[in-house]
Amino acid sequence: MMGWYDGGSWWFGMVFMVLFWGVIVGVIVWGIARLTQRPQDNTPPHVESPRQILDRRFASGELTEEQYAAARRALDGRSVDEVPRS
């Protein structure tokens, strides 16, 4: 019976112990990473509507008042040649 443990099978216990503790440490690291992870933001990026783009460009000075008014009429589906009523 005493020769059973001295026959060179001690390496099996060592390998098993290393694998056991490797799995334990891996599960702990995975759990901590999973719990501290920020939630994914799966919302699409904000897309401006044509009206918002037009308003932004007019506010930044890219368009004149006449260009802005003509573009507003075009976006609203009215004729660009139509004179606005005041």
PDB file of N, CA and C in Angstrom:
ATOM      1  N   MET A   1       0.804  -1.201   0.000  1.00  0.00           N
ATOM      2  CA  MET A   1       0.000   0.000   0.000  1.00  0.00           C
ATOM      3  C   MET A   1       0.850   1.269   0.000  1.00  0.00           C
ATOM      4  N   MET A   2       1.929   1.271   0.722  1.00  0.00           N
ATOM      5  CA  MET A   2       2.748   2.461   0.784  1.00  0.00           C
ATOM      6  C   MET A   2       3.374   2.780  -0.559  1.00  0.00           C
ATOM      7  N   GLY A   3       3.675   1.798  -1.369  1.00  0.00           N
ATOM      8  CA  GLY A   3       4.291   2.013  -2.657  1.00  0.00           C
ATOM      9  C   GLY A   3       3.358   2.649  -3.672  1.00  0.00           C
ATOM     10  N   TRP A   4       2.076   2.657  -3.406  1.00  0.00           N
ATOM     11  CA  TRP A   4       1.097   3.213  -4.325  1.00  0.00           C
ATOM     12  C   TRP A   4       1.351   4.694  -4.579  1.00  0.00           C
ATOM     13  N   TYR A   5       1.684   5.442  -3.535  1.00  0.00           N
ATOM     14  CA  TYR A   5       1.884   6.874  -3.673  1.00  0.00           C
ATOM     15  C   TYR A   5       3.290   7.230  -4.141  1.00  0.00           C
ATOM     16  N   ASP A   6       4.203   6.342  -4.038  1.00  0.00           N
ATOM     17  CA  ASP A   6       5.574   6.621  -4.441  1.00  0.00           C
ATOM     18  C   ASP A   6       5.874   6.182  -5.868  1.00  0.00           C
ATOM     19  N   GLY A   7       4.882   5.699  -6.566  1.00  0.00           N
ATOM     20  CA  GLY A   7       5.118   5.148  -7.886  1.00  0.00           C
ATOM     21  C   GLY A   7       5.171   6.163  -9.001  1.00  0.00           C
ATOM     22  N   GLY A   8       5.225   7.441  -8.720  1.00  0.00           N
ATOM     23  CA  GLY A   8       5.319   8.454  -9.752  1.00  0.00           C
ATOM     24  C   GLY A   8       3.984   9.038 -10.176  1.00  0.00           C
ATOM     25  N   SER A   9       2.906   8.711  -9.483  1.00  0.00           N
ATOM     26  CA  SER A   9       1.596   9.255  -9.849  1.00  0.00           C
ATOM     27  C   SER A   9       1.297  10.564  -9.123  1.00  0.00           C
ATOM     28  N   TRP A  10       2.270  11.118  -8.423  1.00  0.00           N
ATOM     29  CA  TRP A  10       2.081  12.381  -7.718  1.00  0.00           C
ATOM     30  C   TRP A  10       1.814  13.526  -8.693  1.00  0.00           C
ATOM     31  N   TRP A  11       2.322  13.431  -9.921  1.00  0.00           N
ATOM     32  CA  TRP A  11       2.130  14.491 -10.913  1.00  0.00           C
ATOM     33  C   TRP A  11       0.665  14.642 -11.295  1.00  0.00           C
ATOM     34  N   PHE A  12      -0.112  13.540 -11.218  1.00  0.00           N
ATOM     35  CA  PHE A  12      -1.540  13.617 -11.530  1.00  0.00           C
ATOM     36  C   PHE A  12      -2.243  14.541 -10.540  1.00  0.00           C
ATOM     37  N   GLY A  13      -1.905  14.404  -9.276  1.00  0.00           N
ATOM     38  CA  GLY A  13      -2.484  15.275  -8.248  1.00  0.00           C
ATOM     39  C   GLY A  13      -2.092  16.721  -8.448  1.00  0.00           C
ATOM     40  N   MET A  14      -0.863  16.965  -8.848  1.00  0.00           N
ATOM     41  CA  MET A  14      -0.400  18.332  -9.087  1.00  0.00           C
ATOM     42  C   MET A  14      -1.146  18.967 -10.259  1.00  0.00           C
ATOM     43  N   VAL A  15      -1.256  18.220 -11.349  1.00  0.00           N
ATOM     44  CA  VAL A  15      -1.963  18.732 -12.536  1.00  0.00           C
ATOM     45  C   VAL A  15      -3.410  19.012 -12.195  1.00  0.00           C
ATOM     46  N   PHE A  16      -4.032  18.076 -11.485  1.00  0.00           N
ATOM     47  CA  PHE A  16      -5.435  18.266 -11.103  1.00  0.00           C
ATOM     48  C   PHE A  16      -5.591  19.504 -10.229  1.00  0.00           C
ATOM     49  N   MET A  17      -4.695  19.717  -9.268  1.00  0.00           N
ATOM     50  CA  MET A  17      -4.780  20.862  -8.366  1.00  0.00           C
ATOM     51  C   MET A  17      -4.597  22.174  -9.130  1.00  0.00           C
ATOM     52  N   VAL A  18      -3.647  22.208 -10.065  1.00  0.00           N
ATOM     53  CA  VAL A  18      -3.434  23.421 -10.862  1.00  0.00           C
ATOM     54  C   VAL A  18      -4.671  23.715 -11.709  1.00  0.00           C
ATOM     55  N   LEU A  19      -5.236  22.703 -12.345  1.00  0.00           N
ATOM     56  CA  LEU A  19      -6.453  22.907 -13.142  1.00  0.00           C
ATOM     57  C   LEU A  19      -7.618  23.355 -12.269  1.00  0.00           C
ATOM     58  N   PHE A  20      -7.763  22.742 -11.112  1.00  0.00           N
ATOM     59  CA  PHE A  20      -8.848  23.095 -10.198  1.00  0.00           C
ATOM     60  C   PHE A  20      -8.770  24.563  -9.808  1.00  0.00           C
ATOM     61  N   TRP A  21      -7.590  25.002  -9.342  1.00  0.00           N
ATOM     62  CA  TRP A  21      -7.447  26.390  -8.922  1.00  0.00           C
ATOM     63  C   TRP A  21      -7.494  27.350 -10.111  1.00  0.00           C
ATOM     64  N   GLY A  22      -7.046  26.922 -11.266  1.00  0.00           N
ATOM     65  CA  GLY A  22      -7.158  27.755 -12.464  1.00  0.00           C
ATOM     66  C   GLY A  22      -8.610  28.013 -12.838  1.00  0.00           C
ATOM     67  N   VAL A  23      -9.430  26.978 -12.732  1.00  0.00           N
ATOM     68  CA  VAL A  23     -10.862  27.139 -13.023  1.00  0.00           C
ATOM     69  C   VAL A  23     -11.507  28.046 -11.986  1.00  0.00           C
ATOM     70  N   ILE A  24     -11.184  27.857 -10.722  1.00  0.00           N
ATOM     71  CA  ILE A  24     -11.757  28.692  -9.656  1.00  0.00           C
ATOM     72  C   ILE A  24     -11.386  30.162  -9.871  1.00  0.00           C
ATOM     73  N   VAL A  25     -10.117  30.440 -10.113  1.00  0.00           N
ATOM     74  CA  VAL A  25      -9.681  31.831 -10.330  1.00  0.00           C
ATOM     75  C   VAL A  25     -10.318  32.393 -11.597  1.00  0.00           C
ATOM     76  N   GLY A  26     -10.409  31.588 -12.648  1.00  0.00           N
ATOM     77  CA  GLY A  26     -11.037  32.039 -13.892  1.00  0.00           C
ATOM     78  C   GLY A  26     -12.498  32.406 -13.706  1.00  0.00           C
ATOM     79  N   VAL A  27     -13.226  31.605 -12.950  1.00  0.00           N
ATOM     80  CA  VAL A  27     -14.647  31.891 -12.693  1.00  0.00           C
ATOM     81  C   VAL A  27     -14.789  33.172 -11.875  1.00  0.00           C
ATOM     82  N   ILE A  28     -13.916  33.366 -10.900  1.00  0.00           N
ATOM     83  CA  ILE A  28     -13.976  34.590 -10.087  1.00  0.00           C
ATOM     84  C   ILE A  28     -13.680  35.819 -10.948  1.00  0.00           C
ATOM     85  N   VAL A  29     -12.649  35.761 -11.764  1.00  0.00           N
ATOM     86  CA  VAL A  29     -12.305  36.892 -12.640  1.00  0.00           C
ATOM     87  C   VAL A  29     -13.437  37.163 -13.620  1.00  0.00           C
ATOM     88  N   TRP A  30     -14.006  36.117 -14.215  1.00  0.00           N
ATOM     89  CA  TRP A  30     -15.112  36.288 -15.157  1.00  0.00           C
ATOM     90  C   TRP A  30     -16.310  36.923 -14.460  1.00  0.00           C
ATOM     91  N   GLY A  31     -16.613  36.472 -13.238  1.00  0.00           N
ATOM     92  CA  GLY A  31     -17.743  37.024 -12.492  1.00  0.00           C
ATOM     93  C   GLY A  31     -17.557  38.487 -12.159  1.00  0.00           C
ATOM     94  N   ILE A  32     -16.353  38.860 -11.729  1.00  0.00           N
ATOM     95  CA  ILE A  32     -16.086  40.266 -11.405  1.00  0.00           C
ATOM     96  C   ILE A  32     -16.179  41.120 -12.662  1.00  0.00           C
ATOM     97  N   ALA A  33     -15.627  40.635 -13.763  1.00  0.00           N
ATOM     98  CA  ALA A  33     -15.697  41.393 -15.021  1.00  0.00           C
ATOM     99  C   ALA A  33     -17.138  41.541 -15.476  1.00  0.00           C
ATOM    100  N   ARG A  34     -17.916  40.507 -15.308  1.00  0.00           N
ATOM    101  CA  ARG A  34     -19.322  40.538 -15.732  1.00  0.00           C
ATOM    102  C   ARG A  34     -20.135  41.508 -14.874  1.00  0.00           C
ATOM    103  N   LEU A  35     -19.867  41.538 -13.572  1.00  0.00           N
ATOM    104  CA  LEU A  35     -20.624  42.405 -12.671  1.00  0.00           C
ATOM    105  C   LEU A  35     -20.229  43.873 -12.787  1.00  0.00           C
ATOM    106  N   THR A  36     -18.983  44.148 -13.156  1.00  0.00           N
ATOM    107  CA  THR A  36     -18.526  45.534 -13.237  1.00  0.00           C
ATOM    108  C   THR A  36     -18.603  46.104 -14.642  1.00  0.00           C
ATOM    109  N   GLN A  37     -19.094  45.335 -15.576  1.00  0.00           N
ATOM    110  CA  GLN A  37     -19.170  45.774 -16.971  1.00  0.00           C
ATOM    111  C   GLN A  37     -20.262  46.820 -17.134  1.00  0.00           C
ATOM    112  N   ARG A  38     -19.966  47.855 -17.896  1.00  0.00           N
ATOM    113  CA  ARG A  38     -20.969  48.879 -18.197  1.00  0.00           C
ATOM    114  C   ARG A  38     -21.979  48.311 -19.189  1.00  0.00           C
ATOM    115  N   PRO A  39     -23.236  48.724 -19.086  1.00  0.00           N
ATOM    116  CA  PRO A  39     -24.218  48.234 -20.056  1.00  0.00           C
ATOM    117  C   PRO A  39     -23.913  48.760 -21.456  1.00  0.00           C
ATOM    118  N   GLN A  40     -24.171  47.947 -22.442  1.00  0.00           N
ATOM    119  CA  GLN A  40     -23.938  48.327 -23.833  1.00  0.00           C
ATOM    120  C   GLN A  40     -25.001  49.332 -24.272  1.00  0.00           C
ATOM    121  N   ASP A  41     -24.577  50.350 -24.963  1.00  0.00           N
ATOM    122  CA  ASP A  41     -25.503  51.338 -25.506  1.00  0.00           C
ATOM    123  C   ASP A  41     -25.807  50.937 -26.936  1.00  0.00           C
ATOM    124  N   ASN A  42     -26.940  50.269 -27.133  1.00  0.00           N
ATOM    125  CA  ASN A  42     -27.289  49.775 -28.465  1.00  0.00           C
ATOM    126  C   ASN A  42     -28.227  50.719 -29.211  1.00  0.00           C
ATOM    127  N   THR A  43     -28.417  51.923 -28.679  1.00  0.00           N
ATOM    128  CA  THR A  43     -29.273  52.864 -29.379  1.00  0.00           C
ATOM    129  C   THR A  43     -28.508  53.441 -30.566  1.00  0.00           C
ATOM    130  N   PRO A  44     -29.200  53.633 -31.668  1.00  0.00           N
ATOM    131  CA  PRO A  44     -28.508  54.205 -32.833  1.00  0.00           C
ATOM    132  C   PRO A  44     -28.112  55.651 -32.548  1.00  0.00           C
ATOM    133  N   PRO A  45     -27.078  56.138 -33.200  1.00  0.00           N
ATOM    134  CA  PRO A  45     -26.674  57.523 -32.984  1.00  0.00           C
ATOM    135  C   PRO A  45     -27.785  58.472 -33.416  1.00  0.00           C
ATOM    136  N   HIS A  46     -27.817  59.626 -32.774  1.00  0.00           N
ATOM    137  CA  HIS A  46     -28.861  60.608 -33.081  1.00  0.00           C
ATOM    138  C   HIS A  46     -28.727  61.063 -34.532  1.00  0.00           C
ATOM    139  N   VAL A  47     -29.809  60.960 -35.259  1.00  0.00           N
ATOM    140  CA  VAL A  47     -29.837  61.382 -36.651  1.00  0.00           C
ATOM    141  C   VAL A  47     -30.733  62.614 -36.731  1.00  0.00           C
ATOM    142  N   GLU A  48     -30.167  63.681 -37.275  1.00  0.00           N
ATOM    143  CA  GLU A  48     -30.935  64.915 -37.391  1.00  0.00           C
ATOM    144  C   GLU A  48     -31.931  64.813 -38.536  1.00  0.00           C
ATOM    145  N   SER A  49     -33.086  65.390 -38.315  1.00  0.00           N
ATOM    146  CA  SER A  49     -34.073  65.475 -39.388  1.00  0.00           C
ATOM    147  C   SER A  49     -33.631  66.574 -40.359  1.00  0.00           C
ATOM    148  N   PRO A  50     -34.170  66.560 -41.567  1.00  0.00           N
ATOM    149  CA  PRO A  50     -33.812  67.626 -42.521  1.00  0.00           C
ATOM    150  C   PRO A  50     -34.109  69.016 -41.964  1.00  0.00           C
ATOM    151  N   ARG A  51     -35.193  69.147 -41.220  1.00  0.00           N
ATOM    152  CA  ARG A  51     -35.548  70.450 -40.631  1.00  0.00           C
ATOM    153  C   ARG A  51     -34.515  70.867 -39.588  1.00  0.00           C
ATOM    154  N   GLN A  52     -34.056  69.935 -38.780  1.00  0.00           N
ATOM    155  CA  GLN A  52     -33.047  70.264 -37.774  1.00  0.00           C
ATOM    156  C   GLN A  52     -31.723  70.672 -38.428  1.00  0.00           C
ATOM    157  N   ILE A  53     -31.372  69.997 -39.509  1.00  0.00           N
ATOM    158  CA  ILE A  53     -30.148  70.348 -40.227  1.00  0.00           C
ATOM    159  C   ILE A  53     -30.272  71.750 -40.803  1.00  0.00           C
ATOM    160  N   LEU A  54     -31.416  72.030 -41.397  1.00  0.00           N
ATOM    161  CA  LEU A  54     -31.654  73.359 -41.975  1.00  0.00           C
ATOM    162  C   LEU A  54     -31.578  74.432 -40.897  1.00  0.00           C
ATOM    163  N   ASP A  55     -32.244  74.194 -39.756  1.00  0.00           N
ATOM    164  CA  ASP A  55     -32.225  75.173 -38.667  1.00  0.00           C
ATOM    165  C   ASP A  55     -30.806  75.390 -38.140  1.00  0.00           C
ATOM    166  N   ARG A  56     -30.041  74.311 -38.010  1.00  0.00           N
ATOM    167  CA  ARG A  56     -28.676  74.418 -37.514  1.00  0.00           C
ATOM    168  C   ARG A  56     -27.806  75.220 -38.481  1.00  0.00           C
ATOM    169  N   ARG A  57     -27.956  74.943 -39.771  1.00  0.00           N
ATOM    170  CA  ARG A  57     -27.157  75.664 -40.768  1.00  0.00           C
ATOM    171  C   ARG A  57     -27.518  77.147 -40.810  1.00  0.00           C
ATOM    172  N   PHE A  58     -28.810  77.470 -40.646  1.00  0.00           N
ATOM    173  CA  PHE A  58     -29.232  78.869 -40.625  1.00  0.00           C
ATOM    174  C   PHE A  58     -28.697  79.548 -39.360  1.00  0.00           C
ATOM    175  N   ALA A  59     -28.762  78.855 -38.246  1.00  0.00           N
ATOM    176  CA  ALA A  59     -28.284  79.431 -36.986  1.00  0.00           C
ATOM    177  C   ALA A  59     -26.780  79.662 -37.013  1.00  0.00           C
ATOM    178  N   SER A  60     -26.037  78.819 -37.720  1.00  0.00           N
ATOM    179  CA  SER A  60     -24.581  78.990 -37.769  1.00  0.00           C
ATOM    180  C   SER A  60     -24.150  80.018 -38.812  1.00  0.00           C
ATOM    181  N   GLY A  61     -25.102  80.515 -39.603  1.00  0.00           N
ATOM    182  CA  GLY A  61     -24.774  81.546 -40.587  1.00  0.00           C
ATOM    183  C   GLY A  61     -24.396  81.003 -41.944  1.00  0.00           C
ATOM    184  N   GLU A  62     -24.575  79.718 -42.186  1.00  0.00           N
ATOM    185  CA  GLU A  62     -24.253  79.139 -43.493  1.00  0.00           C
ATOM    186  C   GLU A  62     -25.261  79.550 -44.557  1.00  0.00           C
ATOM    187  N   LEU A  63     -26.491  79.854 -44.146  1.00  0.00           N
ATOM    188  CA  LEU A  63     -27.554  80.201 -45.091  1.00  0.00           C
ATOM    189  C   LEU A  63     -28.039  81.614 -44.823  1.00  0.00           C
ATOM    190  N   THR A  64     -28.418  82.283 -45.885  1.00  0.00           N
ATOM    191  CA  THR A  64     -29.044  83.595 -45.726  1.00  0.00           C
ATOM    192  C   THR A  64     -30.514  83.385 -45.388  1.00  0.00           C
ATOM    193  N   GLU A  65     -31.171  84.458 -45.026  1.00  0.00           N
ATOM    194  CA  GLU A  65     -32.590  84.365 -44.672  1.00  0.00           C
ATOM    195  C   GLU A  65     -33.418  83.913 -45.870  1.00  0.00           C
ATOM    196  N   GLU A  66     -33.059  84.383 -47.077  1.00  0.00           N
ATOM    197  CA  GLU A  66     -33.795  83.984 -48.275  1.00  0.00           C
ATOM    198  C   GLU A  66     -33.590  82.501 -48.579  1.00  0.00           C
ATOM    199  N   GLN A  67     -32.341  82.039 -48.469  1.00  0.00           N
ATOM    200  CA  GLN A  67     -32.068  80.615 -48.700  1.00  0.00           C
ATOM    201  C   GLN A  67     -32.807  79.745 -47.679  1.00  0.00           C
ATOM    202  N   TYR A  68     -32.828  80.220 -46.436  1.00  0.00           N
ATOM    203  CA  TYR A  68     -33.512  79.469 -45.386  1.00  0.00           C
ATOM    204  C   TYR A  68     -35.010  79.380 -45.668  1.00  0.00           C
ATOM    205  N   ALA A  69     -35.606  80.511 -46.045  1.00  0.00           N
ATOM    206  CA  ALA A  69     -37.050  80.528 -46.319  1.00  0.00           C
ATOM    207  C   ALA A  69     -37.386  79.637 -47.509  1.00  0.00           C
ATOM    208  N   ALA A  70     -36.556  79.677 -48.556  1.00  0.00           N
ATOM    209  CA  ALA A  70     -36.802  78.831 -49.723  1.00  0.00           C
ATOM    210  C   ALA A  70     -36.662  77.350 -49.364  1.00  0.00           C
ATOM    211  N   ALA A  71     -35.675  77.025 -48.573  1.00  0.00           N
ATOM    212  CA  ALA A  71     -35.490  75.628 -48.174  1.00  0.00           C
ATOM    213  C   ALA A  71     -36.623  75.173 -47.268  1.00  0.00           C
ATOM    214  N   ARG A  72     -37.102  76.033 -46.389  1.00  0.00           N
ATOM    215  CA  ARG A  72     -38.244  75.684 -45.522  1.00  0.00           C
ATOM    216  C   ARG A  72     -39.481  75.386 -46.356  1.00  0.00           C
ATOM    217  N   ARG A  73     -39.730  76.232 -47.369  1.00  0.00           N
ATOM    218  CA  ARG A  73     -40.897  75.993 -48.236  1.00  0.00           C
ATOM    219  C   ARG A  73     -40.737  74.672 -48.983  1.00  0.00           C
ATOM    220  N   ALA A  74     -39.515  74.392 -49.448  1.00  0.00           N
ATOM    221  CA  ALA A  74     -39.279  73.144 -50.176  1.00  0.00           C
ATOM    222  C   ALA A  74     -39.497  71.936 -49.247  1.00  0.00           C
ATOM    223  N   LEU A  75     -39.037  72.041 -48.029  1.00  0.00           N
ATOM    224  CA  LEU A  75     -39.232  70.936 -47.082  1.00  0.00           C
ATOM    225  C   LEU A  75     -40.696  70.761 -46.700  1.00  0.00           C
ATOM    226  N   ASP A  76     -41.418  71.865 -46.644  1.00  0.00           N
ATOM    227  CA  ASP A  76     -42.833  71.784 -46.292  1.00  0.00           C
ATOM    228  C   ASP A  76     -43.683  71.325 -47.468  1.00  0.00           C
ATOM    229  N   GLY A  77     -43.079  71.168 -48.639  1.00  0.00           N
ATOM    230  CA  GLY A  77     -43.807  70.676 -49.804  1.00  0.00           C
ATOM    231  C   GLY A  77     -44.464  71.762 -50.629  1.00  0.00           C
ATOM    232  N   ARG A  78     -44.170  72.994 -50.288  1.00  0.00           N
ATOM    233  CA  ARG A  78     -44.717  74.096 -51.079  1.00  0.00           C
ATOM    234  C   ARG A  78     -43.734  74.448 -52.183  1.00  0.00           C
ATOM    235  N   SER A  79     -44.208  75.124 -53.162  1.00  0.00           N
ATOM    236  CA  SER A  79     -43.366  75.532 -54.280  1.00  0.00           C
ATOM    237  C   SER A  79     -42.336  76.547 -53.799  1.00  0.00           C
ATOM    238  N   VAL A  80     -41.118  76.397 -54.270  1.00  0.00           N
ATOM    239  CA  VAL A  80     -40.053  77.323 -53.921  1.00  0.00           C
ATOM    240  C   VAL A  80     -40.312  78.679 -54.533  1.00  0.00           C
ATOM    241  N   ASP A  81     -41.026  78.720 -55.674  1.00  0.00           N
ATOM    242  CA  ASP A  81     -41.318  79.987 -56.355  1.00  0.00           C
ATOM    243  C   ASP A  81     -42.468  80.723 -55.705  1.00  0.00           C
ATOM    244  N   GLU A  82     -43.217  80.043 -54.868  1.00  0.00           N
ATOM    245  CA  GLU A  82     -44.374  80.656 -54.227  1.00  0.00           C
ATOM    246  C   GLU A  82     -43.906  81.716 -53.237  1.00  0.00           C
ATOM    247  N   VAL A  83     -44.524  82.854 -53.277  1.00  0.00           N
ATOM    248  CA  VAL A  83     -44.167  83.946 -52.377  1.00  0.00           C
ATOM    249  C   VAL A  83     -44.943  83.749 -51.087  1.00  0.00           C
ATOM    250  N   PRO A  84     -44.271  83.762 -49.951  1.00  0.00           N
ATOM    251  CA  PRO A  84     -44.984  83.582 -48.680  1.00  0.00           C
ATOM    252  C   PRO A  84     -45.894  84.767 -48.391  1.00  0.00           C
ATOM    253  N   ARG A  85     -47.050  84.445 -47.806  1.00  0.00           N
ATOM    254  CA  ARG A  85     -47.995  85.498 -47.449  1.00  0.00           C
ATOM    255  C   ARG A  85     -47.614  86.059 -46.098  1.00  0.00           C
ATOM    256  N   SER A  86     -47.649  87.408 -46.003  1.00  0.00           N
ATOM    257  CA  SER A  86     -47.307  88.042 -44.719  1.00  0.00           C
ATOM    258  C   SER A  86     -48.443  88.879 -44.229  1.00  0.00           C
TER     259      SER A  86
END
